[in-house]
Amino acid sequence: MAPRKLAAGNWKMNGTFAALDQIDRLAADLPTSGCDVLICPPATLVHAMSARAAGKLAVGGQDCHAKTSGAHTGDIAAEQLKDAGATHVILGHSERRTDHAETDAQVAAKSLAAYETGLVAVICVGETEAQRDAGETLDVISAQLAGSIPEGATAANTVIAYEPVWAIGTGRTPTNEQIAEVHALMRERLSARFPDGADMSLLYGGSVKPSNAAEIFATPHVNGALVGGASLKAADFGPIITALSAA
């Protein structure tokens, strides 16, 4: 089994029901084979998007609670996402780690909740600009991988996304050598820890756009992308999907 190629879009806190027409436009031009496509919209759109996208692309959530239910106002459980039609959930995104002070242990607990519900966990790791400048990138990534991925992770229930914090939404992109170095480290660590770690899909995220997608996808151990702003419009996300399908 080889890693599955995945083009994942993270809409973040963007989009209303009017934006769902982008799914129709995207689906109309999707490659017939070559890669999987996932969109993770705000929770308010998961149900409607999953109905709209049925049989065309997968839909996921952007976070879930580690608990199955309870007094957690404003949170959403993995089971609720699945009930709404989600098949995946993004966990440990740098914006969650920064804005909500999420720890590796919390990300691991949420990942277990996703597994138990049958969702695929898209677990994010990445270093800050200060950590990169201090030469700490590989140590930071190694620690996040060790602490954020729980036992029970498999190639079927886990996707790992490397998103250097300093490249998200800034227009800055690491060099191909920097991307390759981190992805090689992730593949080595995952292969050493999990029986099918060599088959886990590894995504790159951080200012991925049509103009640089093909070059990024040619990088060793890059099996796809987690795309932010460029996933909001079919005209931008479509060429990225096409580039991945052809990689």
Protein backbone atom coordinates (compact mmCIF):
# COMPACT_ATOMS: atom_id res chain seq x y z
CA MET A 1 0.00 0.00 0.00
CA ALA A 2 1.41 3.38 -1.03
CA PRO A 3 0.43 6.68 0.62
CA ARG A 4 -2.80 8.10 -0.78
CA LYS A 5 -2.55 11.45 -2.49
CA LEU A 6 -4.86 13.97 -0.82
CA ALA A 7 -5.76 17.55 -1.64
CA ALA A 8 -7.38 18.95 1.50
CA GLY A 9 -8.96 22.39 1.77
CA ASN A 10 -9.31 24.17 5.11
CA TRP A 11 -11.90 26.93 4.84
CA LYS A 12 -11.18 28.09 8.40
CA MET A 13 -13.72 30.69 9.60
CA ASN A 14 -14.89 31.52 6.10
CA GLY A 15 -17.96 30.67 4.08
CA THR A 16 -21.75 30.75 4.28
CA PHE A 17 -24.34 28.68 2.44
CA ALA A 18 -23.87 30.91 -0.60
CA ALA A 19 -20.31 29.61 -0.90
CA LEU A 20 -21.47 26.05 -1.54
CA ASP A 21 -21.73 26.82 -5.24
CA GLN A 22 -17.93 26.52 -5.23
CA ILE A 23 -18.37 22.81 -4.49
CA ASP A 24 -20.49 22.38 -7.60
CA ARG A 25 -17.90 24.19 -9.71
CA LEU A 26 -15.06 22.19 -8.19
CA ALA A 27 -16.81 18.86 -8.63
CA ALA A 28 -17.54 19.62 -12.28
CA ASP A 29 -13.83 19.74 -13.10
CA LEU A 30 -12.37 17.16 -10.71
CA PRO A 31 -9.90 14.69 -12.23
CA THR A 32 -11.52 11.28 -12.57
CA SER A 33 -8.62 9.67 -10.71
CA GLY A 34 -5.23 10.44 -9.27
CA CYS A 35 -5.99 11.86 -5.84
CA ASP A 36 -8.60 12.23 -3.12
CA VAL A 37 -10.18 15.61 -2.39
CA LEU A 38 -11.33 16.85 1.02
CA ILE A 39 -12.94 20.13 2.08
CA CYS A 40 -13.15 21.12 5.76
CA PRO A 41 -15.65 23.99 6.07
CA PRO A 42 -16.94 25.66 9.23
CA ALA A 43 -19.12 23.33 11.31
CA THR A 44 -22.25 25.19 10.17
CA LEU A 45 -21.68 23.95 6.62
CA VAL A 46 -20.60 20.34 7.19
CA HIS A 47 -24.06 18.80 6.78
CA ALA A 48 -25.08 20.85 3.76
CA MET A 49 -21.72 20.42 2.06
CA SER A 50 -21.63 16.67 2.64
CA ALA A 51 -25.05 16.35 1.01
CA ARG A 52 -23.98 18.57 -1.87
CA ALA A 53 -20.65 16.78 -2.34
CA ALA A 54 -21.88 13.21 -1.97
CA GLY A 55 -19.91 10.88 -4.21
CA LYS A 56 -17.69 13.71 -5.44
CA LEU A 57 -15.39 14.68 -2.58
CA ALA A 58 -15.00 14.15 1.16
CA VAL A 59 -16.02 16.65 3.85
CA GLY A 60 -14.40 17.11 7.25
CA GLY A 61 -14.50 19.20 10.41
CA GLN A 62 -11.86 21.63 11.62
CA ASP A 63 -11.69 20.45 15.24
CA CYS A 64 -13.42 18.16 17.71
CA HIS A 65 -13.56 17.71 21.47
CA ALA A 66 -11.88 14.77 23.16
CA LYS A 67 -15.12 13.94 24.99
CA THR A 68 -18.10 12.32 23.33
CA SER A 69 -20.63 14.70 24.91
CA GLY A 70 -21.20 16.89 27.94
CA ALA A 71 -21.06 20.42 29.30
CA HIS A 72 -18.66 21.88 26.74
CA THR A 73 -20.42 24.93 25.37
CA GLY A 74 -19.27 25.90 21.89
CA ASP A 75 -17.41 22.64 21.23
CA ILE A 76 -18.32 19.85 18.85
CA ALA A 77 -17.87 16.10 19.30
CA ALA A 78 -16.38 13.77 16.73
CA GLU A 79 -19.63 11.81 16.68
CA GLN A 80 -21.56 14.98 15.87
CA LEU A 81 -19.26 15.69 12.93
CA LYS A 82 -19.72 12.16 11.64
CA ASP A 83 -23.48 12.44 12.10
CA ALA A 84 -23.39 15.58 9.94
CA GLY A 85 -21.60 13.71 7.17
CA ALA A 86 -17.92 14.31 7.93
CA THR A 87 -15.31 11.63 7.26
CA HIS A 88 -12.25 13.58 8.45
CA VAL A 89 -11.31 16.16 11.06
CA ILE A 90 -8.34 18.54 11.24
CA LEU A 91 -6.62 18.44 14.62
CA GLY A 92 -3.75 20.40 16.14
CA HIS A 93 -3.71 23.13 13.52
CA SER A 94 -1.27 25.87 14.50
CA GLU A 95 -4.13 28.34 14.83
CA ARG A 96 -5.72 26.06 17.43
CA ARG A 97 -2.39 25.55 19.16
CA THR A 98 -1.77 29.32 19.23
CA ASP A 99 -5.24 30.79 19.75
CA HIS A 100 -6.46 28.12 22.18
CA ALA A 101 -3.15 26.99 23.69
CA GLU A 102 -3.72 23.39 22.61
CA THR A 103 -1.01 20.99 23.72
CA ASP A 104 0.28 17.86 22.03
CA ALA A 105 -1.50 15.78 24.68
CA GLN A 106 -4.83 17.45 23.90
CA VAL A 107 -4.33 16.86 20.19
CA ALA A 108 -3.61 13.19 20.88
CA ALA A 109 -6.77 12.90 23.00
CA LYS A 110 -8.84 14.46 20.24
CA SER A 111 -7.27 12.12 17.71
CA LEU A 112 -8.32 9.13 19.79
CA ALA A 113 -11.86 10.48 19.85
CA ALA A 114 -11.75 10.73 16.07
CA TYR A 115 -10.50 7.16 15.73
CA GLU A 116 -13.17 5.83 18.06
CA THR A 117 -15.84 7.54 15.97
CA GLY A 118 -14.45 6.37 12.65
CA LEU A 119 -13.12 9.72 11.47
CA VAL A 120 -9.73 10.17 9.81
CA ALA A 121 -7.57 12.53 11.88
CA VAL A 122 -5.58 15.09 9.90
CA ILE A 123 -2.95 15.90 12.53
CA CYS A 124 -0.98 19.11 12.01
CA VAL A 125 2.58 19.89 13.06
CA GLY A 126 4.82 22.85 12.34
CA GLU A 127 7.42 25.23 13.72
CA THR A 128 7.24 28.97 14.32
CA GLU A 129 9.55 31.47 12.63
CA ALA A 130 11.55 31.85 15.85
CA GLN A 131 12.01 28.08 16.09
CA ARG A 132 13.08 27.89 12.45
CA ASP A 133 15.57 30.73 12.89
CA ALA A 134 16.97 29.04 16.01
CA GLY A 135 17.61 25.83 14.10
CA GLU A 136 15.03 23.93 16.17
CA THR A 137 12.71 22.82 13.37
CA LEU A 138 13.48 19.10 13.36
CA ASP A 139 13.41 18.88 17.16
CA VAL A 140 10.05 20.67 17.27
CA ILE A 141 8.53 18.46 14.58
CA SER A 142 9.85 15.31 16.24
CA ALA A 143 8.35 16.32 19.59
CA GLN A 144 4.99 17.19 18.05
CA LEU A 145 4.85 13.89 16.18
CA ALA A 146 5.67 11.96 19.34
CA GLY A 147 3.19 13.82 21.51
CA SER A 148 0.29 14.47 19.12
CA ILE A 149 -0.13 11.08 17.46
CA PRO A 150 -1.64 8.47 19.77
CA GLU A 151 -1.12 4.74 19.71
CA GLY A 152 -3.60 3.19 17.33
CA ALA A 153 -2.70 5.50 14.47
CA THR A 154 -2.67 3.76 11.08
CA ALA A 155 -2.39 4.76 7.46
CA ALA A 156 -6.16 4.33 7.23
CA ASN A 157 -7.12 6.65 10.11
CA THR A 158 -4.31 9.23 10.14
CA VAL A 159 -2.95 11.89 7.82
CA ILE A 160 -0.07 14.14 8.90
CA ALA A 161 0.15 17.73 7.68
CA TYR A 162 3.35 19.76 7.99
CA GLU A 163 2.51 23.45 8.14
CA PRO A 164 5.36 25.80 9.04
CA VAL A 165 3.57 28.45 11.06
CA TRP A 166 5.54 31.24 9.43
CA ALA A 167 4.30 30.23 5.95
CA ILE A 168 0.56 30.01 6.65
CA GLY A 169 -1.24 32.79 4.85
CA THR A 170 1.92 34.90 4.55
CA GLY A 171 2.80 34.14 0.95
CA ARG A 172 6.15 32.79 2.12
CA THR A 173 7.02 29.22 1.26
CA PRO A 174 9.96 27.13 2.49
CA THR A 175 12.47 26.02 -0.09
CA ASN A 176 12.00 22.60 -1.62
CA GLU A 177 15.02 21.46 0.37
CA GLN A 178 13.43 22.61 3.65
CA ILE A 179 10.14 20.89 2.81
CA ALA A 180 11.98 17.71 1.79
CA GLU A 181 14.03 17.69 4.98
CA VAL A 182 10.98 17.85 7.24
CA HIS A 183 8.96 15.33 5.22
CA ALA A 184 11.88 12.90 5.22
CA LEU A 185 12.09 13.23 9.01
CA MET A 186 8.35 12.63 9.38
CA ARG A 187 8.48 9.55 7.17
CA GLU A 188 11.43 8.16 9.14
CA ARG A 189 9.78 8.74 12.53
CA LEU A 190 6.40 7.38 11.46
CA SER A 191 7.95 4.31 9.82
CA ALA A 192 9.94 3.58 12.97
CA ARG A 193 6.94 3.89 15.27
CA PHE A 194 4.01 2.44 13.34
CA PRO A 195 3.83 -0.81 11.32
CA ASP A 196 2.35 1.02 8.32
CA GLY A 197 3.97 4.39 8.96
CA ALA A 198 5.58 4.24 5.53
CA ASP A 199 2.09 4.35 4.03
CA MET A 200 0.70 7.32 5.98
CA SER A 201 -0.13 10.30 3.79
CA LEU A 202 2.04 13.36 4.43
CA LEU A 203 0.68 16.74 3.38
CA TYR A 204 2.43 20.07 3.05
CA GLY A 205 0.56 23.25 3.94
CA GLY A 206 1.56 26.88 3.91
CA SER A 207 0.87 29.29 1.03
CA VAL A 208 0.23 26.50 -1.49
CA LYS A 209 -1.15 27.99 -4.69
CA PRO A 210 -1.54 27.03 -8.36
CA SER A 211 1.79 28.63 -9.26
CA ASN A 212 3.90 26.52 -6.86
CA ALA A 213 1.80 23.36 -6.43
CA ALA A 214 3.52 21.18 -9.05
CA GLU A 215 6.96 21.98 -7.69
CA ILE A 216 5.89 21.19 -4.12
CA PHE A 217 4.25 17.90 -5.16
CA ALA A 218 7.47 16.83 -6.86
CA THR A 219 9.22 16.94 -3.49
CA PRO A 220 9.99 13.50 -1.97
CA HIS A 221 7.47 12.25 0.62
CA VAL A 222 4.95 15.01 -0.14
CA ASN A 223 1.67 13.18 -0.81
CA GLY A 224 -0.59 16.19 -1.02
CA ALA A 225 -1.46 19.53 0.51
CA LEU A 226 -3.52 21.15 3.22
CA VAL A 227 -4.63 24.36 1.54
CA GLY A 228 -6.11 27.41 3.23
CA GLY A 229 -7.16 30.50 1.30
CA ALA A 230 -6.66 28.96 -2.13
CA SER A 231 -9.28 26.29 -1.34
CA LEU A 232 -12.09 28.83 -1.01
CA LYS A 233 -12.50 29.27 -4.75
CA ALA A 234 -12.80 26.43 -7.26
CA ALA A 235 -10.78 28.48 -9.74
CA ASP A 236 -7.81 28.40 -7.34
CA PHE A 237 -8.20 24.98 -5.75
CA GLY A 238 -8.96 23.16 -8.99
CA PRO A 239 -5.48 23.68 -10.52
CA ILE A 240 -3.86 22.52 -7.27
CA ILE A 241 -5.91 19.31 -7.38
CA THR A 242 -4.99 18.83 -11.04
CA ALA A 243 -1.30 19.29 -10.23
CA LEU A 244 -1.48 16.69 -7.45
CA SER A 245 -3.37 14.25 -9.63
CA ALA A 246 -0.62 14.50 -12.23
CA ALA A 247 2.27 14.28 -9.74
